[in-house]
Amino acid sequence: MKTLQLELGPRSYPIYIGSGLLDQAKLLVPHIKGKRVAIVTNETVAPLYLSKLRAQLAAFQPVEVILPDGEQYKNLEVLNRIFDALLSARSDRNTTLIALGGGVVGDMGGFAAACYQRGVPFIQIPTTLLAQVDSSVGGKTGVNHALGKNMIGAFYQPRAVIIDTDTLKTLPARELSAGLAEIIKYGVIRDPEFFSWLEENMDKLLARDSSVLAHAIHRSCQNKAEVVAADERESGVRATLNFGHTFGHAIETGLGYGVWLHGEAIAAGMVMAADLSRRLKWLSSAETARIENLIRRARLPVRAPATLSSKRFLELMAVDKKVLDGQMRLVLLKSLGQAVVTADYPRAELEATLASVRDAA
């Protein structure tokens, strides 16, 4: 097992990474406040791992909330099911909420924890690669709206993140690739040495080599923890973690939540952001090709869907958390490993990217 610490002063917390951690109550119990817990999971994860977690927590009389599975259910209506269960069980503000599942479960469970009685303790147990390397770390929680992804939410940090790498054994191949998109992102925006390592080890990652996956998860969480510690509420450098996301969120919203997986949309979005960076003469053609090739090798889309017109793309991109004072700010690359947040780009170049990076490969 490896342990990282996300340093946020009195709200610092550990990130545990290893095999068989769901069987180790000694990791989980010290982070539980009070005498009761609530477990939020979904219909896919519950049959696989809920009984194992329930056995570790029998003394805490767990309340169980099983949500439908899918990005299309990440909304206020489904969120209310968590509140219904907490209230029906007369859960108090010492009840610890545990999110067991992927990014949707983690985001919704965290948002429910932030809101219920104005804040209850919260623990993340992510079971997908994407959640393990991204959404479970850093305290971003929330739900989607028909007009924009993740536009309703809160910054609310967990008390611990417990990453059992054994859960990846049951992860569908498509979900594994979706998680690789966020892993690639860290190499692109701030860790070029890691990017080169990913080029060398992509085949092993796809083959689920346990030691290679563990290293990729650890390095990704390390990158995320460093950025969040420096800028918890995304007022500066943390915004660079959204590389490809303004484009990607437009794809998710435009197609309908759940049609493309989050990681698939982010993959195409990263290619679009790299293409625009190249057009601005910041990123070399060779670096742009390396990024696209690695994303393609991860079995991810490198083109946006043809069904979204450039006009529709721009409309959707305008509903983004990085828009300030009417200006659409994008995360672009000065070079491989150096990301910037900027509104300083010609509109014509953005439209050229939207027109060219189109049609699924």
Protein backbone atom coordinates (compact mmCIF):
# COMPACT_ATOMS: atom_id res chain seq x y z
CA MET A 1 0.00 0.00 0.00
CA LYS A 2 1.06 3.55 -0.74
CA THR A 3 -0.20 6.60 1.12
CA LEU A 4 -0.33 10.20 -0.06
CA GLN A 5 -1.37 13.20 2.01
CA LEU A 6 -3.37 16.03 0.49
CA GLU A 7 -2.18 19.03 2.47
CA LEU A 8 -4.98 21.45 3.32
CA GLY A 9 -4.07 22.46 6.86
CA PRO A 10 -6.67 21.19 9.36
CA ARG A 11 -8.64 19.63 6.49
CA SER A 12 -5.73 17.54 5.19
CA TYR A 13 -6.50 13.90 4.47
CA PRO A 14 -4.82 10.67 3.36
CA ILE A 15 -5.16 8.89 0.03
CA TYR A 16 -4.57 5.15 0.40
CA ILE A 17 -3.70 3.16 -2.74
CA GLY A 18 -3.33 -0.60 -2.78
CA SER A 19 -4.76 -4.08 -3.25
CA GLY A 20 -7.40 -5.53 -0.92
CA LEU A 21 -8.10 -2.27 0.93
CA LEU A 22 -11.87 -2.90 1.07
CA ASP A 23 -11.07 -5.72 3.50
CA GLN A 24 -9.04 -3.49 5.82
CA ALA A 25 -11.41 -1.90 8.30
CA LYS A 26 -8.42 -0.41 10.14
CA LEU A 27 -8.03 2.07 7.27
CA LEU A 28 -11.65 3.11 7.19
CA VAL A 29 -12.84 3.17 10.79
CA PRO A 30 -10.50 5.90 12.12
CA HIS A 31 -12.05 8.34 9.64
CA ILE A 32 -15.64 7.65 10.70
CA LYS A 33 -17.16 10.26 12.98
CA GLY A 34 -20.02 9.19 15.17
CA LYS A 35 -21.77 5.86 15.48
CA ARG A 36 -23.56 5.59 12.14
CA VAL A 37 -22.67 5.55 8.46
CA ALA A 38 -24.56 5.88 5.21
CA ILE A 39 -23.25 4.11 2.09
CA VAL A 40 -24.12 5.60 -1.28
CA THR A 41 -23.48 3.31 -4.27
CA ASN A 42 -25.20 2.29 -7.50
CA GLU A 43 -26.90 -0.71 -9.09
CA THR A 44 -23.73 -1.87 -10.84
CA VAL A 45 -21.29 -1.59 -7.94
CA ALA A 46 -23.61 -2.78 -5.15
CA PRO A 47 -23.68 -6.47 -6.20
CA LEU A 48 -19.89 -6.48 -6.50
CA TYR A 49 -18.66 -4.68 -3.39
CA LEU A 50 -21.46 -3.54 -1.07
CA SER A 51 -21.55 -6.73 1.00
CA LYS A 52 -17.80 -6.55 1.54
CA LEU A 53 -18.04 -2.96 2.80
CA ARG A 54 -21.15 -3.72 4.84
CA ALA A 55 -19.28 -6.49 6.67
CA GLN A 56 -16.56 -4.04 7.69
CA LEU A 57 -19.14 -1.55 9.00
CA ALA A 58 -21.73 -3.75 10.72
CA ALA A 59 -21.19 -1.98 14.05
CA PHE A 60 -22.19 1.34 12.47
CA GLN A 61 -25.73 0.31 11.42
CA PRO A 62 -25.19 1.36 7.79
CA VAL A 63 -27.95 3.07 5.84
CA GLU A 64 -27.67 1.98 2.21
CA VAL A 65 -28.63 4.11 -0.79
CA ILE A 66 -28.45 2.39 -4.20
CA LEU A 67 -28.74 4.81 -7.11
CA PRO A 68 -29.28 4.04 -10.80
CA ASP A 69 -26.03 3.83 -12.77
CA GLY A 70 -25.15 6.42 -15.38
CA GLU A 71 -24.23 10.04 -16.01
CA GLN A 72 -27.83 10.73 -17.04
CA TYR A 73 -28.87 10.19 -13.40
CA LYS A 74 -26.45 12.75 -11.98
CA ASN A 75 -29.15 15.33 -11.29
CA LEU A 76 -31.07 16.99 -8.49
CA GLU A 77 -34.00 14.59 -8.73
CA VAL A 78 -31.86 11.50 -8.10
CA LEU A 79 -29.77 13.38 -5.51
CA ASN A 80 -32.94 13.76 -3.47
CA ARG A 81 -33.05 9.99 -2.97
CA ILE A 82 -29.97 10.30 -0.78
CA PHE A 83 -31.63 12.96 1.37
CA ASP A 84 -34.81 10.85 1.57
CA ALA A 85 -32.82 7.89 2.91
CA LEU A 86 -30.84 10.00 5.40
CA LEU A 87 -33.95 11.67 6.75
CA SER A 88 -35.96 8.45 6.90
CA ALA A 89 -33.19 6.87 8.97
CA ARG A 90 -33.02 9.99 11.18
CA SER A 91 -29.36 10.41 10.39
CA ASP A 92 -27.70 13.16 12.41
CA ARG A 93 -24.79 15.42 11.55
CA ASN A 94 -22.30 12.90 12.95
CA THR A 95 -23.37 10.32 10.37
CA THR A 96 -20.46 9.64 8.00
CA LEU A 97 -21.42 9.33 4.35
CA ILE A 98 -19.34 6.88 2.30
CA ALA A 99 -19.37 7.02 -1.51
CA LEU A 100 -18.69 3.59 -3.03
CA GLY A 101 -18.54 3.78 -6.81
CA GLY A 102 -17.38 5.80 -9.76
CA GLY A 103 -17.33 9.50 -10.43
CA VAL A 104 -21.10 9.98 -10.49
CA VAL A 105 -21.54 8.29 -7.10
CA GLY A 106 -18.61 10.23 -5.64
CA ASP A 107 -19.80 13.59 -6.95
CA MET A 108 -23.37 13.05 -5.79
CA GLY A 109 -22.42 11.49 -2.47
CA GLY A 110 -20.03 14.34 -1.77
CA PHE A 111 -22.61 16.97 -2.67
CA ALA A 112 -25.18 15.28 -0.45
CA ALA A 113 -22.64 15.26 2.40
CA ALA A 114 -21.94 18.96 1.86
CA CYS A 115 -25.65 19.80 2.00
CA TYR A 116 -27.17 17.43 4.57
CA GLN A 117 -27.53 19.35 7.85
CA ARG A 118 -25.05 21.81 6.26
CA GLY A 119 -22.27 19.26 6.19
CA VAL A 120 -21.59 15.72 7.43
CA PRO A 121 -18.32 13.73 7.29
CA PHE A 122 -17.56 12.07 3.97
CA ILE A 123 -15.25 9.28 2.73
CA GLN A 124 -14.49 8.40 -0.90
CA ILE A 125 -14.05 4.77 -2.00
CA PRO A 126 -13.71 5.07 -5.80
CA THR A 127 -14.14 1.89 -7.85
CA THR A 128 -13.42 3.14 -11.41
CA LEU A 129 -10.06 4.22 -12.76
CA LEU A 130 -11.36 7.68 -13.63
CA ALA A 131 -12.70 8.23 -10.12
CA GLN A 132 -9.50 6.89 -8.56
CA VAL A 133 -7.22 9.28 -10.42
CA ASP A 134 -9.43 12.34 -10.63
CA SER A 135 -12.90 12.90 -9.22
CA SER A 136 -12.39 11.30 -5.79
CA VAL A 137 -9.45 13.61 -4.98
CA GLY A 138 -9.82 17.33 -4.41
CA GLY A 139 -13.30 17.88 -3.03
CA LYS A 140 -15.24 18.83 -6.16
CA THR A 141 -18.82 17.62 -5.79
CA GLY A 142 -22.00 18.31 -7.68
CA VAL A 143 -24.65 17.40 -10.21
CA ASN A 144 -25.40 18.19 -13.83
CA HIS A 145 -28.08 20.46 -15.25
CA ALA A 146 -29.71 20.12 -18.65
CA LEU A 147 -27.95 23.34 -19.69
CA GLY A 148 -24.48 22.56 -18.34
CA LYS A 149 -22.35 19.85 -16.73
CA ASN A 150 -21.30 20.16 -13.08
CA MET A 151 -22.75 23.67 -12.81
CA ILE A 152 -24.43 22.94 -9.44
CA GLY A 153 -22.16 21.79 -6.64
CA ALA A 154 -19.77 22.58 -3.82
CA PHE A 155 -16.13 22.26 -2.82
CA TYR A 156 -16.29 19.74 0.02
CA GLN A 157 -13.27 17.68 1.02
CA PRO A 158 -13.50 14.04 2.17
CA ARG A 159 -11.87 12.79 5.36
CA ALA A 160 -10.07 10.06 3.40
CA VAL A 161 -9.84 8.47 -0.05
CA ILE A 162 -9.45 4.69 -0.12
CA ILE A 163 -8.42 3.29 -3.53
CA ASP A 164 -8.64 -0.50 -3.74
CA THR A 165 -6.98 -1.32 -7.06
CA ASP A 166 -8.65 -4.77 -7.05
CA THR A 167 -11.90 -3.10 -8.11
CA LEU A 168 -10.37 -2.49 -11.53
CA LYS A 169 -10.53 -6.23 -12.23
CA THR A 170 -14.29 -5.93 -12.78
CA LEU A 171 -14.13 -2.66 -14.72
CA PRO A 172 -15.35 -2.84 -18.35
CA ALA A 173 -12.66 -2.11 -20.97
CA ARG A 174 -14.47 1.03 -22.11
CA GLU A 175 -14.44 2.41 -18.56
CA LEU A 176 -10.75 1.57 -18.20
CA SER A 177 -9.94 3.61 -21.30
CA ALA A 178 -12.09 6.47 -20.03
CA GLY A 179 -9.95 6.60 -16.89
CA LEU A 180 -6.77 6.62 -18.97
CA ALA A 181 -7.89 9.95 -20.46
CA GLU A 182 -7.50 11.71 -17.11
CA ILE A 183 -4.18 9.95 -16.48
CA ILE A 184 -2.86 11.17 -19.84
CA LYS A 185 -4.03 14.67 -18.93
CA TYR A 186 -1.58 14.94 -16.01
CA GLY A 187 1.32 14.13 -18.29
CA VAL A 188 0.17 16.65 -20.86
CA ILE A 189 -0.39 19.62 -18.54
CA ARG A 190 2.42 19.32 -15.97
CA ASP A 191 4.40 16.08 -15.97
CA PRO A 192 6.16 15.40 -19.31
CA GLU A 193 8.32 12.68 -17.75
CA PHE A 194 5.12 10.84 -16.81
CA PHE A 195 3.81 11.39 -20.35
CA SER A 196 6.88 9.62 -21.74
CA TRP A 197 6.37 6.80 -19.21
CA LEU A 198 2.77 6.45 -20.42
CA GLU A 199 3.97 6.18 -24.01
CA GLU A 200 6.23 3.31 -22.95
CA ASN A 201 3.63 1.55 -20.80
CA MET A 202 0.26 2.10 -22.50
CA ASP A 203 0.00 -1.52 -23.66
CA LYS A 204 0.61 -2.75 -20.09
CA LEU A 205 -2.02 -0.36 -18.75
CA LEU A 206 -4.58 -1.67 -21.21
CA ALA A 207 -3.60 -5.22 -20.21
CA ARG A 208 -4.24 -4.25 -16.55
CA ASP A 209 -0.72 -5.00 -15.33
CA SER A 210 -1.27 -4.45 -11.60
CA SER A 211 2.08 -2.83 -10.80
CA VAL A 212 1.90 -0.51 -13.82
CA LEU A 213 -1.66 0.52 -12.99
CA ALA A 214 -0.72 1.15 -9.36
CA HIS A 215 2.15 3.42 -10.43
CA ALA A 216 -0.10 5.36 -12.83
CA ILE A 217 -2.75 5.85 -10.13
CA HIS A 218 -0.17 6.95 -7.56
CA ARG A 219 1.53 9.40 -9.93
CA SER A 220 -1.83 10.84 -11.02
CA CYS A 221 -3.06 11.31 -7.44
CA GLN A 222 0.29 12.89 -6.56
CA ASN A 223 -0.12 15.41 -9.38
CA LYS A 224 -3.72 16.14 -8.40
CA ALA A 225 -2.88 16.51 -4.70
CA GLU A 226 -0.08 18.98 -5.41
CA VAL A 227 -2.34 21.17 -7.54
CA VAL A 228 -5.27 21.08 -5.11
CA ALA A 229 -3.00 21.88 -2.14
CA ALA A 230 -1.81 24.97 -4.00
CA ASP A 231 -5.26 26.11 -5.16
CA GLU A 232 -8.17 24.36 -3.47
CA ARG A 233 -11.01 26.46 -4.89
CA GLU A 234 -9.77 26.81 -8.48
CA SER A 235 -8.86 30.48 -8.42
CA GLY A 236 -5.58 29.85 -10.26
CA VAL A 237 -3.49 26.82 -11.18
CA ARG A 238 -6.21 24.25 -10.41
CA ALA A 239 -8.10 25.43 -13.49
CA THR A 240 -5.38 23.82 -15.62
CA LEU A 241 -6.74 20.44 -14.51
CA ASN A 242 -9.67 21.23 -16.81
CA PHE A 243 -7.53 20.79 -19.92
CA GLY A 244 -9.87 19.51 -22.64
CA HIS A 245 -12.89 19.84 -20.36
CA THR A 246 -14.55 22.90 -21.91
CA PHE A 247 -14.64 21.07 -25.24
CA GLY A 248 -15.42 17.73 -23.60
CA HIS A 249 -18.26 19.00 -21.44
CA ALA A 250 -19.82 20.52 -24.56
CA ILE A 251 -19.76 17.08 -26.17
CA GLU A 252 -21.36 15.45 -23.12
CA THR A 253 -24.08 18.07 -22.80
CA GLY A 254 -24.72 18.31 -26.54
CA LEU A 255 -25.06 14.56 -27.12
CA GLY A 256 -26.96 13.95 -23.88
CA TYR A 257 -25.36 12.80 -20.63
CA GLY A 258 -24.15 9.21 -20.78
CA VAL A 259 -23.98 8.84 -24.59
CA TRP A 260 -20.20 9.33 -24.43
CA LEU A 261 -18.39 8.51 -21.19
CA HIS A 262 -16.77 11.48 -19.47
CA GLY A 263 -13.27 10.26 -20.27
CA GLU A 264 -14.16 9.74 -23.93
CA ALA A 265 -15.41 13.30 -24.25
CA ILE A 266 -12.35 14.66 -22.43
CA ALA A 267 -10.07 12.69 -24.77
CA ALA A 268 -11.55 14.34 -27.85
CA GLY A 269 -11.53 17.66 -25.98
CA MET A 270 -7.81 17.34 -25.26
CA VAL A 271 -7.09 16.78 -28.96
CA MET A 272 -9.12 19.90 -29.74
CA ALA A 273 -7.26 21.96 -27.12
CA ALA A 274 -3.92 20.70 -28.45
CA ASP A 275 -4.96 21.55 -32.01
CA LEU A 276 -5.87 25.12 -31.01
CA SER A 277 -2.56 25.43 -29.15
CA ARG A 278 -0.76 24.36 -32.33
CA ARG A 279 -2.69 26.91 -34.40
CA LEU A 280 -1.52 29.61 -31.98
CA LYS A 281 2.06 28.40 -32.63
CA TRP A 282 2.53 27.52 -28.96
CA LEU A 283 2.59 23.74 -29.34
CA SER A 284 4.73 22.08 -32.00
CA SER A 285 3.20 19.78 -34.59
CA ALA A 286 5.34 16.93 -33.20
CA GLU A 287 4.01 17.46 -29.65
CA THR A 288 0.44 17.69 -30.96
CA ALA A 289 0.91 14.39 -32.79
CA ARG A 290 2.33 12.70 -29.67
CA ILE A 291 -0.72 13.72 -27.65
CA GLU A 292 -3.17 12.52 -30.28
CA ASN A 293 -1.29 9.25 -30.82
CA LEU A 294 -1.22 8.40 -27.11
CA ILE A 295 -4.95 9.12 -26.78
CA ARG A 296 -5.65 6.92 -29.80
CA ARG A 297 -3.50 4.13 -28.33
CA ALA A 298 -5.62 4.31 -25.16
CA ARG A 299 -8.59 3.37 -27.38
CA LEU A 300 -10.21 6.76 -26.98
CA PRO A 301 -11.86 9.10 -29.50
CA VAL A 302 -9.62 11.72 -31.11
CA ARG A 303 -12.40 13.51 -33.03
CA ALA A 304 -15.55 15.25 -31.87
CA PRO A 305 -18.93 13.94 -33.09
CA ALA A 306 -20.03 15.32 -36.47
CA THR A 307 -23.56 15.79 -35.13
CA LEU A 308 -22.48 18.86 -33.12
CA SER A 309 -22.10 21.91 -35.35
CA SER A 310 -19.49 24.58 -34.63
CA LYS A 311 -22.29 26.97 -33.71
CA ARG A 312 -23.76 24.48 -31.21
CA PHE A 313 -20.29 23.79 -29.79
CA LEU A 314 -19.75 27.49 -29.10
CA GLU A 315 -23.16 27.79 -27.44
CA LEU A 316 -22.40 24.88 -25.13
CA MET A 317 -18.85 26.03 -24.38
CA ALA A 318 -20.21 29.39 -23.25
CA VAL A 319 -21.87 27.61 -20.28
CA ASP A 320 -18.64 26.81 -18.47
CA LYS A 321 -17.31 27.53 -15.00
CA LYS A 322 -14.19 29.16 -16.45
CA VAL A 323 -16.22 31.86 -18.22
CA LEU A 324 -15.60 35.16 -16.41
CA ASP A 325 -17.13 38.52 -17.31
CA GLY A 326 -18.43 37.04 -20.54
CA GLN A 327 -15.00 35.83 -21.66
CA MET A 328 -14.54 32.16 -22.54
CA ARG A 329 -11.25 31.08 -20.98
CA LEU A 330 -9.66 27.88 -22.23
CA VAL A 331 -6.87 25.67 -20.91
CA LEU A 332 -4.24 25.54 -23.66
CA LEU A 333 -0.62 24.41 -23.94
CA LYS A 334 2.47 26.57 -24.28
CA SER A 335 4.36 23.30 -24.65
CA LEU A 336 3.99 19.69 -23.57
CA GLY A 337 3.89 19.90 -19.76
CA GLN A 338 3.07 23.62 -19.57
CA ALA A 339 -0.63 24.53 -19.46
CA VAL A 340 -2.13 28.02 -19.22
CA VAL A 341 -5.64 29.37 -18.73
CA THR A 342 -6.30 32.11 -21.25
CA ALA A 343 -8.93 34.07 -23.14
CA ASP A 344 -6.21 35.40 -25.46
CA TYR A 345 -6.87 33.53 -28.70
CA PRO A 346 -8.42 34.66 -32.01
CA ARG A 347 -12.02 33.52 -32.39
CA ALA A 348 -11.21 32.48 -35.96
CA GLU A 349 -8.60 29.98 -34.75
CA LEU A 350 -11.06 28.45 -32.28
CA GLU A 351 -13.62 28.11 -35.08
CA ALA A 352 -10.96 26.51 -37.30
CA THR A 353 -10.32 23.89 -34.61
CA LEU A 354 -14.04 23.22 -34.19
CA ALA A 355 -14.39 22.77 -37.94
CA SER A 356 -11.37 20.48 -38.36
CA VAL A 357 -11.36 18.17 -35.32
CA ARG A 358 -14.64 16.52 -36.22
CA ASP A 359 -16.04 13.07 -37.04
CA ALA A 360 -15.36 10.04 -34.88
CA ALA A 361 -12.18 8.21 -35.88
